[in-house]
């Protein structure tokens, strides 16, 4: 079975990143007897200029677009896409748009890629479904515990700046080398797919990469 490494470059407050990941997981089920996916998460802040304590949603939209936008059409569309992949968006539960540096830093703490995906899923669920401020360290502590990270390790980590430089460096690299936006899926450090693609699109793309990998192995 061919093994492919997939780096998901994403931000926790990006709804398309949730949909893209869920579609990738559906694709994984369709190819699980042919291709094994080794998924990792890489940091990208959509709004790195947001204050550390976050910003009021309406204030942010007014500042960014000149006036509060009518988001209903976009929200309704995303809700339908979320339902299709088994994810519930509650966009108006969250009054704060957080700075996501601390969430990305927490993801950097986790070495196991399986555990990192569990943490990423819990962060997405906390922000989009439950309306939790994921920029708040107390909330990140609870999310980390829920994701089976030891409480004593979490407390020490969240009270430090460990991992900050690593997150900043990685984000700069991805921003400068590859990306106009997220989600971006980088396969085997070589092939790039952008956007929240449909499961069958992922399947076709991953199979093409699998064939290329296998062809190289067969070369003398």
C-alpha atoms as a PDB file:
ATOM      1  CA  UNK A   1       0.000   0.000   0.000  1.00  0.00           C
ATOM      2  CA  UNK A   2       1.315   3.440  -0.944  1.00  0.00           C
ATOM      3  CA  UNK A   3       1.720   5.953   1.884  1.00  0.00           C
ATOM      4  CA  UNK A   4       1.252   9.661   1.145  1.00  0.00           C
ATOM      5  CA  UNK A   5       2.153  12.502   3.488  1.00  0.00           C
ATOM      6  CA  UNK A   6      -0.415  15.315   3.500  1.00  0.00           C
ATOM      7  CA  UNK A   7       0.269  18.645   5.179  1.00  0.00           C
ATOM      8  CA  UNK A   8      -2.930  20.615   5.703  1.00  0.00           C
ATOM      9  CA  UNK A   9      -2.134  24.315   5.838  1.00  0.00           C
ATOM     10  CA  UNK A  10      -5.113  25.890   7.546  1.00  0.00           C
ATOM     11  CA  UNK A  11      -6.511  28.260  10.128  1.00  0.00           C
ATOM     12  CA  UNK A  12      -8.957  27.237  12.849  1.00  0.00           C
ATOM     13  CA  UNK A  13     -11.328  30.115  12.037  1.00  0.00           C
ATOM     14  CA  UNK A  14     -11.535  29.156   8.350  1.00  0.00           C
ATOM     15  CA  UNK A  15     -14.845  27.365   7.609  1.00  0.00           C
ATOM     16  CA  UNK A  16     -13.557  26.130   4.250  1.00  0.00           C
ATOM     17  CA  UNK A  17     -10.707  24.406   6.094  1.00  0.00           C
ATOM     18  CA  UNK A  18     -13.261  22.364   8.057  1.00  0.00           C
ATOM     19  CA  UNK A  19     -15.122  21.390   4.897  1.00  0.00           C
ATOM     20  CA  UNK A  20     -11.907  20.583   3.034  1.00  0.00           C
ATOM     21  CA  UNK A  21     -10.662  18.369   5.873  1.00  0.00           C
ATOM     22  CA  UNK A  22     -13.984  16.548   6.184  1.00  0.00           C
ATOM     23  CA  UNK A  23     -14.018  15.931   2.422  1.00  0.00           C
ATOM     24  CA  UNK A  24     -10.458  14.608   2.630  1.00  0.00           C
ATOM     25  CA  UNK A  25     -11.524  12.198   5.376  1.00  0.00           C
ATOM     26  CA  UNK A  26     -14.383  10.978   3.190  1.00  0.00           C
ATOM     27  CA  UNK A  27     -11.890  10.460   0.355  1.00  0.00           C
ATOM     28  CA  UNK A  28      -9.659   8.520   2.746  1.00  0.00           C
ATOM     29  CA  UNK A  29     -12.471   6.053   3.360  1.00  0.00           C
ATOM     30  CA  UNK A  30     -12.839   5.523  -0.389  1.00  0.00           C
ATOM     31  CA  UNK A  31      -9.142   4.681  -0.888  1.00  0.00           C
ATOM     32  CA  UNK A  32      -8.284   3.049   2.436  1.00  0.00           C
ATOM     33  CA  UNK A  33      -7.439  -0.257   0.782  1.00  0.00           C
ATOM     34  CA  UNK A  34      -5.093   1.410  -1.719  1.00  0.00           C
ATOM     35  CA  UNK A  35      -3.469   4.471  -0.144  1.00  0.00           C
ATOM     36  CA  UNK A  36      -2.559   5.287   3.452  1.00  0.00           C
ATOM     37  CA  UNK A  37      -2.680   8.993   4.348  1.00  0.00           C
ATOM     38  CA  UNK A  38      -0.307  10.446   6.919  1.00  0.00           C
ATOM     39  CA  UNK A  39      -1.977  13.770   7.803  1.00  0.00           C
ATOM     40  CA  UNK A  40      -0.235  16.644   9.549  1.00  0.00           C
ATOM     41  CA  UNK A  41      -1.357  20.218  10.285  1.00  0.00           C
ATOM     42  CA  UNK A  42       0.531  23.393   9.460  1.00  0.00           C
ATOM     43  CA  UNK A  43      -0.170  26.938  10.699  1.00  0.00           C
ATOM     44  CA  UNK A  44      -1.595  29.836   8.737  1.00  0.00           C
ATOM     45  CA  UNK A  45      -3.275  32.836  10.343  1.00  0.00           C
ATOM     46  CA  UNK A  46      -5.927  34.450   8.179  1.00  0.00           C
ATOM     47  CA  UNK A  47      -5.901  37.569  10.349  1.00  0.00           C
ATOM     48  CA  UNK A  48      -2.573  37.769  12.221  1.00  0.00           C
ATOM     49  CA  UNK A  49      -3.251  41.431  13.014  1.00  0.00           C
ATOM     50  CA  UNK A  50      -6.191  40.589  15.307  1.00  0.00           C
ATOM     51  CA  UNK A  51      -5.363  41.593  18.925  1.00  0.00           C
ATOM     52  CA  UNK A  52      -4.242  38.857  21.298  1.00  0.00           C
ATOM     53  CA  UNK A  53      -7.570  38.975  23.136  1.00  0.00           C
ATOM     54  CA  UNK A  54      -9.581  38.868  19.904  1.00  0.00           C
ATOM     55  CA  UNK A  55     -11.906  41.447  18.405  1.00  0.00           C
ATOM     56  CA  UNK A  56     -15.661  41.936  18.385  1.00  0.00           C
ATOM     57  CA  UNK A  57     -17.114  40.335  15.263  1.00  0.00           C
ATOM     58  CA  UNK A  58     -19.167  43.362  14.194  1.00  0.00           C
ATOM     59  CA  UNK A  59     -16.252  45.705  14.885  1.00  0.00           C
ATOM     60  CA  UNK A  60     -13.956  43.538  12.764  1.00  0.00           C
ATOM     61  CA  UNK A  61     -16.384  43.396   9.826  1.00  0.00           C
ATOM     62  CA  UNK A  62     -16.988  47.146   9.956  1.00  0.00           C
ATOM     63  CA  UNK A  63     -13.260  47.845  10.083  1.00  0.00           C
ATOM     64  CA  UNK A  64     -12.475  45.426   7.269  1.00  0.00           C
ATOM     65  CA  UNK A  65     -15.372  46.112   4.875  1.00  0.00           C
ATOM     66  CA  UNK A  66     -16.488  49.611   5.839  1.00  0.00           C
ATOM     67  CA  UNK A  67     -19.856  48.437   7.110  1.00  0.00           C
ATOM     68  CA  UNK A  68     -21.287  45.257   8.634  1.00  0.00           C
ATOM     69  CA  UNK A  69     -21.942  42.740   5.865  1.00  0.00           C
ATOM     70  CA  UNK A  70     -25.069  40.734   5.391  1.00  0.00           C
ATOM     71  CA  UNK A  71     -23.529  37.292   5.834  1.00  0.00           C
ATOM     72  CA  UNK A  72     -26.724  35.287   5.727  1.00  0.00           C
ATOM     73  CA  UNK A  73     -26.354  33.947   2.180  1.00  0.00           C
ATOM     74  CA  UNK A  74     -22.735  32.865   2.741  1.00  0.00           C
ATOM     75  CA  UNK A  75     -23.556  31.405   6.156  1.00  0.00           C
ATOM     76  CA  UNK A  76     -26.539  29.457   4.831  1.00  0.00           C
ATOM     77  CA  UNK A  77     -24.422  28.026   2.012  1.00  0.00           C
ATOM     78  CA  UNK A  78     -21.661  26.972   4.419  1.00  0.00           C
ATOM     79  CA  UNK A  79     -24.197  25.463   6.816  1.00  0.00           C
ATOM     80  CA  UNK A  80     -25.535  23.275   4.017  1.00  0.00           C
ATOM     81  CA  UNK A  81     -22.034  22.186   3.049  1.00  0.00           C
ATOM     82  CA  UNK A  82     -21.315  21.486   6.712  1.00  0.00           C
ATOM     83  CA  UNK A  83     -24.419  19.319   7.042  1.00  0.00           C
ATOM     84  CA  UNK A  84     -23.301  17.377   3.973  1.00  0.00           C
ATOM     85  CA  UNK A  85     -20.028  16.418   5.683  1.00  0.00           C
ATOM     86  CA  UNK A  86     -21.515  15.962   9.161  1.00  0.00           C
ATOM     87  CA  UNK A  87     -20.375  19.255  10.690  1.00  0.00           C
ATOM     88  CA  UNK A  88     -22.581  21.889  12.328  1.00  0.00           C
ATOM     89  CA  UNK A  89     -21.786  25.571  11.879  1.00  0.00           C
ATOM     90  CA  UNK A  90     -23.250  28.033  14.388  1.00  0.00           C
ATOM     91  CA  UNK A  91     -21.698  31.209  13.014  1.00  0.00           C
ATOM     92  CA  UNK A  92     -23.526  33.684  15.224  1.00  0.00           C
ATOM     93  CA  UNK A  93     -22.741  31.979  18.517  1.00  0.00           C
ATOM     94  CA  UNK A  94     -19.290  33.494  18.430  1.00  0.00           C
ATOM     95  CA  UNK A  95     -19.265  37.222  19.164  1.00  0.00           C
ATOM     96  CA  UNK A  96     -15.446  37.317  19.119  1.00  0.00           C
ATOM     97  CA  UNK A  97     -13.083  36.612  16.248  1.00  0.00           C
ATOM     98  CA  UNK A  98      -9.974  35.288  18.029  1.00  0.00           C
ATOM     99  CA  UNK A  99      -6.314  35.591  17.314  1.00  0.00           C
ATOM    100  CA  UNK A 100      -5.402  31.978  16.482  1.00  0.00           C
ATOM    101  CA  UNK A 101      -1.711  32.032  17.380  1.00  0.00           C
ATOM    102  CA  UNK A 102      -2.263  30.194  20.683  1.00  0.00           C
ATOM    103  CA  UNK A 103      -4.358  27.501  18.972  1.00  0.00           C
ATOM    104  CA  UNK A 104      -1.648  26.941  16.360  1.00  0.00           C
ATOM    105  CA  UNK A 105       0.962  26.860  19.099  1.00  0.00           C
ATOM    106  CA  UNK A 106      -1.069  24.182  20.901  1.00  0.00           C
ATOM    107  CA  UNK A 107      -1.194  22.096  17.727  1.00  0.00           C
ATOM    108  CA  UNK A 108       2.600  22.340  17.554  1.00  0.00           C
ATOM    109  CA  UNK A 109       2.811  20.812  21.032  1.00  0.00           C
ATOM    110  CA  UNK A 110       1.273  17.528  19.861  1.00  0.00           C
ATOM    111  CA  UNK A 111       3.749  15.134  18.274  1.00  0.00           C
ATOM    112  CA  UNK A 112       1.404  12.293  17.308  1.00  0.00           C
ATOM    113  CA  UNK A 113      -0.283  13.118  14.017  1.00  0.00           C
ATOM    114  CA  UNK A 114      -3.379  11.143  14.935  1.00  0.00           C
ATOM    115  CA  UNK A 115      -3.658  13.089  18.190  1.00  0.00           C
ATOM    116  CA  UNK A 116      -3.023  16.342  16.336  1.00  0.00           C
ATOM    117  CA  UNK A 117      -5.987  15.661  14.042  1.00  0.00           C
ATOM    118  CA  UNK A 118      -8.159  14.950  17.082  1.00  0.00           C
ATOM    119  CA  UNK A 119      -7.077  18.274  18.589  1.00  0.00           C
ATOM    120  CA  UNK A 120      -7.711  20.111  15.300  1.00  0.00           C
ATOM    121  CA  UNK A 121     -11.201  18.620  15.089  1.00  0.00           C
ATOM    122  CA  UNK A 122     -11.930  19.648  18.682  1.00  0.00           C
ATOM    123  CA  UNK A 123     -10.712  23.183  17.977  1.00  0.00           C
ATOM    124  CA  UNK A 124     -12.938  23.455  14.904  1.00  0.00           C
ATOM    125  CA  UNK A 125     -15.907  22.077  16.822  1.00  0.00           C
ATOM    126  CA  UNK A 126     -15.289  24.394  19.779  1.00  0.00           C
ATOM    127  CA  UNK A 127     -15.119  27.501  17.623  1.00  0.00           C
ATOM    128  CA  UNK A 128     -17.703  26.882  14.910  1.00  0.00           C
ATOM    129  CA  UNK A 129     -20.247  24.676  16.678  1.00  0.00           C
ATOM    130  CA  UNK A 130     -20.022  25.625  20.353  1.00  0.00           C
ATOM    131  CA  UNK A 131     -19.057  29.286  19.931  1.00  0.00           C
ATOM    132  CA  UNK A 132     -16.010  29.045  22.211  1.00  0.00           C
ATOM    133  CA  UNK A 133     -13.278  31.676  22.087  1.00  0.00           C
ATOM    134  CA  UNK A 134     -10.282  29.562  21.057  1.00  0.00           C
ATOM    135  CA  UNK A 135      -7.925  32.466  21.648  1.00  0.00           C
ATOM    136  CA  UNK A 136      -8.561  32.207  25.393  1.00  0.00           C
ATOM    137  CA  UNK A 137      -5.977  30.089  27.234  1.00  0.00           C
ATOM    138  CA  UNK A 138      -8.489  28.753  29.764  1.00  0.00           C
ATOM    139  CA  UNK A 139     -10.638  27.457  26.922  1.00  0.00           C
ATOM    140  CA  UNK A 140      -7.587  26.017  25.187  1.00  0.00           C
ATOM    141  CA  UNK A 141      -6.762  24.211  28.422  1.00  0.00           C
ATOM    142  CA  UNK A 142     -10.195  22.583  28.416  1.00  0.00           C
ATOM    143  CA  UNK A 143      -9.934  21.688  24.714  1.00  0.00           C
ATOM    144  CA  UNK A 144      -6.468  20.237  25.253  1.00  0.00           C
ATOM    145  CA  UNK A 145      -7.668  18.086  28.159  1.00  0.00           C
ATOM    146  CA  UNK A 146     -10.598  16.893  26.032  1.00  0.00           C
ATOM    147  CA  UNK A 147      -8.023  15.945  23.395  1.00  0.00           C
ATOM    148  CA  UNK A 148      -6.182  13.766  25.948  1.00  0.00           C
ATOM    149  CA  UNK A 149      -3.240  16.075  26.598  1.00  0.00           C
ATOM    150  CA  UNK A 150      -2.152  15.928  30.237  1.00  0.00           C
ATOM    151  CA  UNK A 151      -3.378  18.893  32.270  1.00  0.00           C
ATOM    152  CA  UNK A 152      -0.038  19.593  33.960  1.00  0.00           C
ATOM    153  CA  UNK A 153       1.745  19.681  30.588  1.00  0.00           C
ATOM    154  CA  UNK A 154      -0.914  21.989  29.167  1.00  0.00           C
ATOM    155  CA  UNK A 155      -0.745  24.462  32.042  1.00  0.00           C
ATOM    156  CA  UNK A 156       3.024  24.786  31.813  1.00  0.00           C
ATOM    157  CA  UNK A 157       2.893  25.081  28.029  1.00  0.00           C
ATOM    158  CA  UNK A 158       0.111  27.655  27.856  1.00  0.00           C
ATOM    159  CA  UNK A 159       1.865  29.840  30.426  1.00  0.00           C
ATOM    160  CA  UNK A 160       5.016  29.842  28.286  1.00  0.00           C
ATOM    161  CA  UNK A 161       5.849  31.054  24.787  1.00  0.00           C
ATOM    162  CA  UNK A 162       7.188  27.661  23.712  1.00  0.00           C
ATOM    163  CA  UNK A 163       6.510  26.951  20.058  1.00  0.00           C
ATOM    164  CA  UNK A 164       5.809  30.584  19.181  1.00  0.00           C
ATOM    165  CA  UNK A 165       8.935  31.008  17.052  1.00  0.00           C
ATOM    166  CA  UNK A 166       8.301  27.708  15.304  1.00  0.00           C
ATOM    167  CA  UNK A 167       4.734  28.686  14.384  1.00  0.00           C
ATOM    168  CA  UNK A 168       5.823  32.099  13.096  1.00  0.00           C
ATOM    169  CA  UNK A 169       8.644  30.576  11.041  1.00  0.00           C
ATOM    170  CA  UNK A 170       6.430  27.888   9.510  1.00  0.00           C
ATOM    171  CA  UNK A 171       3.665  30.337   8.682  1.00  0.00           C
ATOM    172  CA  UNK A 172       6.078  32.712   6.972  1.00  0.00           C
ATOM    173  CA  UNK A 173       7.503  29.854   4.927  1.00  0.00           C
ATOM    174  CA  UNK A 174       4.102  28.674   3.742  1.00  0.00           C
ATOM    175  CA  UNK A 175       2.881  32.197   3.078  1.00  0.00           C
ATOM    176  CA  UNK A 176       5.979  33.089   1.055  1.00  0.00           C
ATOM    177  CA  UNK A 177       6.475  29.823  -0.837  1.00  0.00           C
ATOM    178  CA  UNK A 178       3.074  28.447  -1.656  1.00  0.00           C
ATOM    179  CA  UNK A 179      -0.080  30.070  -0.626  1.00  0.00           C
ATOM    180  CA  UNK A 180      -2.635  32.626  -1.680  1.00  0.00           C
ATOM    181  CA  UNK A 181      -4.929  31.228   1.004  1.00  0.00           C
ATOM    182  CA  UNK A 182      -6.222  28.202   2.868  1.00  0.00           C
ATOM    183  CA  UNK A 183      -6.978  25.379   2.980  1.00  0.00           C
ATOM    184  CA  UNK A 184      -3.993  24.116   1.020  1.00  0.00           C
ATOM    185  CA  UNK A 185      -3.083  20.440   0.897  1.00  0.00           C
ATOM    186  CA  UNK A 186       0.580  19.655   0.211  1.00  0.00           C
ATOM    187  CA  UNK A 187       1.230  16.027  -0.701  1.00  0.00           C
ATOM    188  CA  UNK A 188       4.710  14.551  -0.262  1.00  0.00           C
ATOM    189  CA  UNK A 189       6.181  18.086  -0.107  1.00  0.00           C
ATOM    190  CA  UNK A 190       5.668  18.325  -3.856  1.00  0.00           C
ATOM    191  CA  UNK A 191       2.063  18.340  -5.057  1.00  0.00           C
ATOM    192  CA  UNK A 192      -0.427  21.029  -4.086  1.00  0.00           C
ATOM    193  CA  UNK A 193      -4.200  21.079  -4.027  1.00  0.00           C
ATOM    194  CA  UNK A 194      -6.021  24.187  -2.860  1.00  0.00           C
ATOM    195  CA  UNK A 195      -9.524  24.743  -1.610  1.00  0.00           C
ATOM    196  CA  UNK A 196     -12.279  22.606  -0.119  1.00  0.00           C
ATOM    197  CA  UNK A 197     -12.402  20.045  -2.918  1.00  0.00           C
ATOM    198  CA  UNK A 198     -15.044  17.339  -3.220  1.00  0.00           C
ATOM    199  CA  UNK A 199     -14.120  13.827  -1.970  1.00  0.00           C
ATOM    200  CA  UNK A 200     -13.986  12.336  -5.462  1.00  0.00           C
ATOM    201  CA  UNK A 201     -11.687  15.156  -6.594  1.00  0.00           C
ATOM    202  CA  UNK A 202      -9.335  14.262  -3.743  1.00  0.00           C
ATOM    203  CA  UNK A 203      -9.553  10.587  -4.679  1.00  0.00           C
ATOM    204  CA  UNK A 204      -8.630  11.211  -8.318  1.00  0.00           C
ATOM    205  CA  UNK A 205      -5.771  13.548  -7.391  1.00  0.00           C
ATOM    206  CA  UNK A 206      -4.329  11.210  -4.744  1.00  0.00           C
ATOM    207  CA  UNK A 207      -4.502   8.233  -7.093  1.00  0.00           C
ATOM    208  CA  UNK A 208      -2.559  10.154  -9.741  1.00  0.00           C
ATOM    209  CA  UNK A 209       0.105  10.959  -7.182  1.00  0.00           C
ATOM    210  CA  UNK A 210       0.136   7.328  -6.033  1.00  0.00           C
ATOM    211  CA  UNK A 211       0.759   6.206  -9.602  1.00  0.00           C
ATOM    212  CA  UNK A 212       3.656   8.646  -9.965  1.00  0.00           C
ATOM    213  CA  UNK A 213       5.190   7.458  -6.694  1.00  0.00           C
ATOM    214  CA  UNK A 214       4.891   3.812  -7.745  1.00  0.00           C
ATOM    215  CA  UNK A 215       6.325   4.542 -11.198  1.00  0.00           C
ATOM    216  CA  UNK A 216       9.409   6.070  -9.582  1.00  0.00           C
ATOM    217  CA  UNK A 217       9.856   2.990  -7.397  1.00  0.00           C
ATOM    218  CA  UNK A 218       9.864   0.776 -10.474  1.00  0.00           C
ATOM    219  CA  UNK A 219      12.664   2.703 -12.185  1.00  0.00           C
ATOM    220  CA  UNK A 220      16.016   0.883 -12.287  1.00  0.00           C
END
